[in-house]
Protein backbone atom coordinates (compact mmCIF):
# COMPACT_ATOMS: atom_id res chain seq x y z
CA MET A 1 29.91 1.20 27.23
CA GLU A 2 28.48 4.70 26.75
CA LEU A 3 27.47 3.83 23.16
CA LEU A 4 25.69 0.66 24.36
CA ARG A 5 23.84 2.69 26.99
CA GLU A 6 22.75 5.22 24.33
CA ILE A 7 21.57 2.42 22.02
CA ILE A 8 19.49 0.79 24.75
CA ILE A 9 17.94 4.09 25.88
CA GLY A 10 17.18 5.16 22.31
CA ASN A 11 15.83 1.84 21.05
CA PHE A 12 14.36 -0.19 23.90
CA GLY A 13 10.86 1.26 23.42
CA VAL A 14 11.18 0.86 19.64
CA TRP A 15 11.98 -2.83 19.96
CA ILE A 16 9.06 -3.42 22.34
CA VAL A 17 6.60 -1.74 19.94
CA ILE A 18 7.96 -3.50 16.85
CA ILE A 19 7.86 -6.97 18.46
CA SER A 20 4.36 -6.31 19.83
CA LEU A 21 3.11 -5.14 16.44
CA LEU A 22 4.64 -8.14 14.68
CA ILE A 23 2.86 -10.50 17.08
CA ALA A 24 -0.39 -8.54 16.69
CA LEU A 25 -0.17 -8.51 12.87
CA ILE A 26 0.59 -12.22 12.65
CA GLY A 27 -2.33 -13.00 14.97
CA THR A 28 -4.82 -10.57 13.39
CA GLN A 29 -6.90 -11.48 10.37
CA PHE A 30 -7.12 -8.23 8.42
CA LYS A 31 -10.07 -8.13 6.05
CA ASP A 32 -7.79 -6.48 3.50
CA LYS A 33 -4.71 -8.71 3.11
CA TYR A 34 -3.07 -6.01 0.97
CA VAL A 35 -3.02 -3.69 4.00
CA LYS A 36 -1.63 -6.44 6.25
CA VAL A 37 1.24 -7.05 3.81
CA LEU A 38 2.00 -3.33 3.68
CA PHE A 39 2.08 -3.13 7.49
CA LEU A 40 4.50 -6.07 7.59
CA ILE A 41 6.72 -4.32 5.02
CA TYR A 42 6.50 -1.16 7.15
CA LEU A 43 7.73 -3.08 10.20
CA MET A 44 10.51 -4.84 8.27
CA LEU A 45 11.78 -1.48 7.00
CA LEU A 46 11.66 -0.08 10.55
CA ILE A 47 13.76 -3.00 11.81
CA ILE A 48 16.35 -2.47 9.07
CA VAL A 49 16.43 1.32 9.66
CA ASP A 50 16.96 0.79 13.37
CA ILE A 51 19.80 -1.66 12.75
CA VAL A 52 21.58 0.62 10.26
CA ASP A 53 21.14 3.58 12.63
CA ILE A 54 22.92 1.61 15.36
CA LEU A 55 25.67 0.56 12.94
CA ASP A 56 26.06 4.09 11.65
CA GLY A 57 26.46 5.33 15.21
CA TYR A 58 29.18 2.74 15.75
CA PHE A 59 30.97 3.57 12.47
CA ARG A 60 31.04 7.28 13.35
CA ILE A 61 33.38 6.53 16.23
CA GLY A 62 37.06 6.84 15.48
CA ASP A 63 39.31 8.79 13.15
CA VAL A 64 39.60 6.12 10.44
CA LEU A 65 36.86 5.56 7.87
CA ASN A 66 35.19 2.14 7.83
CA ASN A 67 33.82 1.69 4.30
CA TRP A 68 30.76 -0.06 5.73
CA ARG A 69 29.68 3.39 6.83
CA TYR A 70 28.73 4.06 3.20
CA VAL A 71 26.39 1.05 3.36
CA SER A 72 24.75 2.04 6.64
CA SER A 73 24.35 5.71 5.65
CA SER A 74 23.02 4.89 2.18
CA THR A 75 20.51 2.40 3.55
CA GLY A 76 19.26 4.90 6.14
CA TYR A 77 18.89 7.65 3.53
CA ILE A 78 16.91 5.34 1.23
CA LEU A 79 14.62 3.62 3.72
CA ARG A 80 13.33 6.69 5.56
CA PRO A 81 11.41 8.09 2.54
CA ALA A 82 10.58 4.49 1.55
CA ILE A 83 8.67 4.08 4.83
CA ILE A 84 6.62 7.20 4.04
CA VAL A 85 5.88 5.73 0.59
CA VAL A 86 4.55 2.59 2.29
CA ILE A 87 2.29 4.79 4.46
CA ILE A 88 1.02 6.47 1.28
CA PHE A 89 0.25 3.06 -0.26
CA ILE A 90 -1.68 2.07 2.88
CA MET A 91 -3.65 5.30 2.69
CA LEU A 92 -4.32 4.73 -1.04
CA ARG A 93 -5.41 1.12 -0.47
CA ARG A 94 -8.72 1.76 -2.28
CA GLU A 95 -6.74 2.76 -5.39
CA LYS A 96 -4.49 -0.30 -5.46
CA GLN A 97 -5.84 -1.38 -8.86
CA SER A 98 -4.87 1.95 -10.43
CA LYS A 99 -2.17 1.74 -13.09
CA PHE A 100 -0.75 5.09 -12.03
CA ILE A 101 -0.19 4.45 -8.33
CA TRP A 102 3.41 3.34 -8.91
CA VAL A 103 4.26 6.78 -10.34
CA ILE A 104 4.59 7.80 -6.69
CA THR A 105 7.81 5.78 -6.43
CA ILE A 106 9.66 7.71 -9.19
CA PRO A 107 11.31 10.31 -6.85
CA LEU A 108 12.36 7.46 -4.52
CA ILE A 109 13.92 5.53 -7.42
CA ILE A 110 15.85 8.64 -8.51
CA GLU A 111 17.09 9.11 -4.94
CA ILE A 112 18.17 5.45 -4.72
CA LEU A 113 20.22 5.74 -7.92
CA LEU A 114 21.93 8.94 -6.77
CA ILE A 115 22.68 7.67 -3.25
CA VAL A 116 23.96 4.27 -4.37
CA SER A 117 26.34 6.00 -6.78
CA SER A 118 27.48 8.57 -4.19
CA PRO A 119 30.55 6.63 -2.98
CA PHE A 120 31.91 7.13 -6.53
CA THR A 121 30.33 10.42 -7.67
CA LYS A 122 30.14 12.16 -4.25
CA TRP A 123 27.02 13.96 -5.50
CA VAL A 124 24.98 13.40 -2.33
CA PHE A 125 27.54 12.65 0.40
CA SER A 126 31.00 11.26 1.02
CA PHE A 127 33.44 10.59 3.84
CA SER A 128 37.05 11.63 4.12
CA SER A 129 39.73 9.16 5.11
CA ASP A 130 39.61 10.53 8.66
CA ASN A 131 35.90 9.58 8.87
CA TYR A 132 34.50 13.10 8.41
CA PHE A 133 31.14 13.53 6.69
CA HIS A 134 30.96 15.76 3.57
CA ARG A 135 27.68 16.89 2.02
CA GLY A 136 27.76 16.88 -1.80
CA PRO A 137 26.10 19.34 -4.22
CA LEU A 138 22.90 17.26 -3.91
CA GLY A 139 23.40 16.75 -0.19
CA PHE A 140 19.93 17.92 0.79
CA LEU A 141 18.21 15.68 -1.78
CA PRO A 142 17.21 12.96 0.77
CA HIS A 143 15.62 15.63 2.99
CA ILE A 144 13.86 17.21 0.00
CA ILE A 145 12.51 13.82 -1.17
CA SER A 146 11.32 12.99 2.35
CA ALA A 147 9.66 16.41 2.67
CA PHE A 148 8.01 15.91 -0.73
CA TYR A 149 6.55 12.58 0.39
CA VAL A 150 5.31 14.06 3.68
CA VAL A 151 3.53 16.86 1.78
CA LEU A 152 2.17 14.34 -0.75
CA LEU A 153 0.91 12.17 2.11
CA LEU A 154 -0.98 15.11 3.63
CA VAL A 155 -2.44 16.25 0.30
CA LEU A 156 -3.60 12.77 -0.73
CA SER A 157 -4.97 12.14 2.74
CA PHE A 158 -7.04 15.32 2.49
CA VAL A 159 -8.30 14.34 -0.97
CA TYR A 160 -9.08 10.69 -0.15
CA SER A 161 -9.89 10.64 3.56
CA PHE A 162 -11.02 14.02 4.85
CA LYS A 163 -14.53 13.90 3.40
CA PHE A 164 -15.63 10.70 5.11
CA ASP A 165 -12.90 9.56 7.46
CA LYS A 166 -11.49 12.41 9.51
CA ALA A 167 -10.02 9.91 12.01
CA GLU A 168 -7.64 8.60 9.33
CA PHE A 169 -6.85 12.13 8.18
CA LEU A 170 -5.99 13.16 11.76
CA THR A 171 -3.84 10.04 12.22
CA ILE A 172 -1.88 10.84 9.06
CA CYS A 173 -1.45 14.50 10.13
CA LEU A 174 0.06 13.29 13.42
CA ILE A 175 2.35 10.87 11.56
CA ALA A 176 3.58 13.73 9.36
CA LEU A 177 4.04 16.04 12.35
CA PHE A 178 6.05 13.45 14.30
CA ALA A 179 8.28 12.76 11.28
CA VAL A 180 8.97 16.46 10.63
CA VAL A 181 9.75 17.27 14.29
CA ALA A 182 12.02 14.21 14.65
CA THR A 183 13.89 15.07 11.43
CA LEU A 184 14.47 18.67 12.55
CA LEU A 185 15.70 17.58 15.97
CA GLU A 186 18.08 15.03 14.44
CA SER A 187 19.36 17.46 11.79
CA PHE A 188 19.90 20.58 13.91
CA PHE A 189 20.32 19.34 17.49
CA ASN A 190 22.28 16.13 16.91
CA PHE A 191 19.72 13.79 18.53
CA ASN A 192 19.88 10.12 17.61
CA TYR A 193 17.12 7.55 16.90
CA LEU A 194 14.25 10.08 17.14
CA LEU A 195 12.98 9.53 13.60
CA THR A 196 12.97 5.76 14.09
CA GLN A 197 11.02 6.22 17.32
CA SER A 198 8.50 8.54 15.66
CA LEU A 199 7.99 6.21 12.69
CA THR A 200 7.51 3.26 15.06
CA ALA A 201 4.95 5.21 17.09
CA SER A 202 3.27 6.18 13.80
CA CYS A 203 3.02 2.53 12.77
CA LEU A 204 1.39 1.73 16.11
CA MET A 205 -1.09 4.61 15.73
CA TYR A 206 -2.04 3.61 12.19
CA TYR A 207 -2.41 -0.04 13.19
CA VAL A 208 -4.71 0.91 16.10
CA TYR A 209 -6.78 3.01 13.69
CA PHE A 210 -7.19 0.03 11.35
CA TYR A 211 -7.94 -2.37 14.19
CA ILE A 212 -10.73 -0.11 15.43
CA ARG A 213 -11.92 0.42 11.87
CA GLN A 214 -12.28 -3.35 11.37
CA SER A 215 -15.03 -3.44 14.00
CA ARG A 216 -17.04 -1.13 11.75
CA ILE A 217 -16.85 -3.35 8.66
CA ASP A 218 -19.24 -6.09 7.58
CA ALA A 219 -17.27 -9.34 7.52
CA LEU A 220 -18.87 -10.78 4.36
CA THR A 221 -19.01 -7.83 1.98
CA GLY A 222 -16.33 -5.46 3.27
CA ALA A 223 -18.90 -2.65 3.40
CA LEU A 224 -19.27 -0.55 6.53
CA ASN A 225 -21.88 -1.86 8.96
CA ARG A 226 -25.18 -0.41 10.17
CA GLU A 227 -23.74 0.93 13.42
CA CYS A 228 -21.15 2.86 11.44
CA PHE A 229 -23.92 4.29 9.25
CA ILE A 230 -25.79 5.60 12.29
CA ILE A 231 -22.62 7.21 13.71
CA ASP A 232 -21.65 8.77 10.37
CA MET A 233 -25.09 10.20 9.71
CA LYS A 234 -25.10 11.88 13.14
CA HIS A 235 -21.69 13.32 12.33
CA TYR A 236 -22.88 14.77 8.99
CA SER A 237 -26.32 15.81 10.24
CA LYS A 238 -25.75 19.44 9.21
CA SER A 239 -24.78 18.54 5.64
CA THR A 240 -26.86 17.68 2.59
CA ILE A 241 -26.57 13.91 2.15
CA ALA A 242 -27.71 11.75 -0.75
CA ILE A 243 -29.12 8.51 0.69
CA ILE A 244 -29.27 5.69 -1.86
CA MET A 245 -31.00 2.45 -0.89
CA VAL A 246 -29.79 -0.60 -2.81
CA ASP A 247 -31.40 -4.04 -2.74
CA LEU A 248 -30.05 -7.20 -4.38
CA ASN A 249 -32.82 -8.65 -6.51
CA GLY A 250 -33.90 -12.24 -5.95
CA LEU A 251 -31.55 -13.17 -3.09
CA LYS A 252 -34.06 -15.63 -1.60
CA ASN A 253 -34.45 -17.33 -4.96
CA ILE A 254 -30.66 -17.49 -5.36
CA ASN A 255 -30.27 -19.07 -1.90
CA ASP A 256 -33.11 -21.56 -2.45
CA THR A 257 -32.00 -22.57 -5.95
CA TYR A 258 -28.21 -22.43 -5.83
CA GLY A 259 -27.39 -22.43 -2.10
CA HIS A 260 -26.23 -19.85 0.41
CA GLU A 261 -22.68 -19.79 -0.92
CA GLU A 262 -24.01 -18.44 -4.21
CA GLY A 263 -26.12 -15.94 -2.26
CA ASP A 264 -23.04 -14.75 -0.36
CA PHE A 265 -21.16 -14.44 -3.65
CA ALA A 266 -24.00 -12.34 -5.07
CA LEU A 267 -23.86 -9.98 -2.09
CA MET A 268 -20.07 -9.67 -2.40
CA THR A 269 -20.40 -9.00 -6.14
CA LEU A 270 -22.87 -6.17 -5.53
CA ALA A 271 -20.75 -4.69 -2.73
CA ARG A 272 -17.66 -4.81 -4.96
CA ALA A 273 -19.50 -3.01 -7.79
CA LEU A 274 -20.74 -0.36 -5.37
CA ARG A 275 -17.28 0.23 -3.91
CA ARG A 276 -15.62 0.33 -7.32
CA GLN A 277 -17.96 3.01 -8.61
CA ALA A 278 -18.18 4.91 -5.31
CA LYS A 279 -14.41 5.47 -5.13
CA ASN A 280 -14.00 8.31 -2.63
CA ASP A 281 -17.25 10.11 -3.38
CA TYR A 282 -19.63 7.80 -1.52
CA ARG A 283 -19.62 5.47 1.47
CA ILE A 284 -21.08 1.98 1.27
CA TYR A 285 -22.92 0.39 4.21
CA ARG A 286 -24.54 -3.00 4.53
CA PHE A 287 -27.85 -2.15 6.15
CA GLY A 288 -28.95 -5.75 6.71
CA GLY A 289 -29.69 -8.87 4.69
CA ASP A 290 -29.67 -7.96 1.00
CA GLU A 291 -29.92 -4.20 1.57
CA PHE A 292 -27.14 -1.66 1.25
CA VAL A 293 -27.12 2.09 1.81
CA VAL A 294 -24.87 4.45 -0.12
CA ALA A 295 -24.28 7.92 1.34
CA GLY A 296 -22.82 10.89 -0.53
CA VAL A 297 -22.15 14.23 1.13
CA ASN A 298 -23.12 17.30 -0.91
CA LYS A 299 -24.11 15.26 -3.97
CA ASP A 300 -26.88 16.37 -6.31
CA GLU A 301 -29.34 14.36 -8.37
CA ILE A 302 -27.11 14.33 -11.46
CA ASP A 303 -24.20 12.87 -9.43
CA VAL A 304 -26.44 10.20 -7.89
CA ASN A 305 -27.93 9.11 -11.22
CA LYS A 306 -24.46 8.86 -12.76
CA PHE A 307 -23.35 6.64 -9.89
CA ILE A 308 -26.43 4.39 -10.13
CA THR A 309 -26.04 4.09 -13.92
CA LYS A 310 -22.39 3.05 -13.56
CA VAL A 311 -23.23 0.39 -10.97
CA LYS A 312 -26.05 -1.00 -13.12
CA GLU A 313 -23.74 -1.13 -16.13
CA GLU A 314 -21.15 -3.06 -14.12
CA LEU A 315 -23.80 -5.49 -12.85
CA LYS A 316 -24.83 -6.24 -16.45
CA GLY A 317 -21.59 -8.19 -16.72
CA THR A 318 -22.67 -10.45 -13.84
CA ARG A 319 -25.60 -12.77 -13.13
CA TYR A 320 -27.07 -10.37 -10.60
CA MET A 321 -29.17 -7.22 -10.55
CA ALA A 322 -30.12 -4.66 -7.94
CA SER A 323 -32.79 -2.05 -7.37
CA PHE A 324 -32.03 1.54 -6.40
CA GLY A 325 -33.92 4.40 -4.78
CA TYR A 326 -32.65 7.67 -3.42
CA SER A 327 -33.62 10.76 -1.49
CA PHE A 328 -31.79 13.75 -0.07
CA TYR A 329 -31.42 14.61 3.60
CA ASN A 330 -30.72 18.05 5.04
CA SER A 331 -31.02 19.61 8.48
CA LYS A 332 -34.61 20.69 7.75
CA LYS A 333 -35.80 17.11 7.16
CA ASP A 334 -36.40 14.17 9.46
CA PHE A 335 -33.77 11.52 8.80
CA ASP A 336 -36.19 8.60 9.19
CA ASP A 337 -38.45 10.21 6.58
CA THR A 338 -35.49 10.43 4.20
CA LEU A 339 -34.74 6.72 4.66
CA LYS A 340 -38.40 5.90 4.09
CA GLU A 341 -38.46 7.95 0.86
CA SER A 342 -35.34 6.19 -0.42
CA ASP A 343 -36.80 2.81 0.52
CA GLU A 344 -40.07 3.51 -1.27
CA ALA A 345 -38.23 4.69 -4.39
CA MET A 346 -36.13 1.53 -4.31
CA TYR A 347 -39.21 -0.74 -4.17
CA LYS A 348 -40.75 1.27 -7.00
CA ASP A 349 -37.60 0.60 -9.05
CA LYS A 350 -37.75 -3.09 -8.14
CA LYS A 351 -41.20 -3.44 -9.75
CA HIS A 352 -39.74 -2.46 -13.13
CA TYR A 353 -37.14 -5.24 -13.17
CA ILE A 354 -37.45 -8.42 -15.21
CA HIS A 355 -35.39 -10.93 -13.27
CA ARG A 356 -32.99 -13.15 -15.12
């Protein structure tokens, strides 16, 4: 009865959050289906971790070893760092096409192999016949792997998110902090279910971040919208910002000749080329109609011209072309004047195009 009471107290809030998030995810149309799938995997892993935690608590009772305790303990050891890996993949969503992203899973795979073999090798952990836990020579490996992934999460978040999206960076810092505190409390003060609770709360926080972020994204192209541009530029008003105006050439002619579906496809093609070449150095905004704005913090003229050249090269492989113009804003300039300069340079570039 006491165990049941502890399970309910430790997991009731977790179950409410998980069920609520599942309903929300199923009912929400994420613009990036890849992210939605990762969130569902995150929740599935949380459910399994919570179940094995409950089972492990049950198997710890008594003086006789139940061999299923190996299964519950091994699963818990494996899935905790696996959840952090899923968070890393969500954070690296813009790099999902990279061939090297799966290198991140190598430490987790090594851990899985060592833990699965532990009932025979006793390298990581084992149990005596009287149900007593023994840490093997590699007993701290799961904690080391988890710590490695937490540090990796923070480093990659700083590299990929800090420049333009401090809200995501802060969210990830809180996720890491919750995970570390919960792990320490479980390891040294014998608390139960704290890490599961912290990971569940982290999933909720990250989901809320993405839900809010969706309101800032243009539905057709996936670029950030004009309102987001205005907010971001106020935020970076003390920085030097490269403002690149981009205009899809001949959109009216495309719509009139081939239909609006082709026009939408042209806009999506341009936005995709901009995002692919921008990576994490620039932010892409749909300013309205066939116009986009690209913003780069602390970029110089060489950087901007390299970016424009790469986008133009990519567009050569399509049926579409775009015109570009840029200017640089700093705290000594009027922002509207900077936009006007970029716009004028873009129209000057447009005059040199021979439309296909």
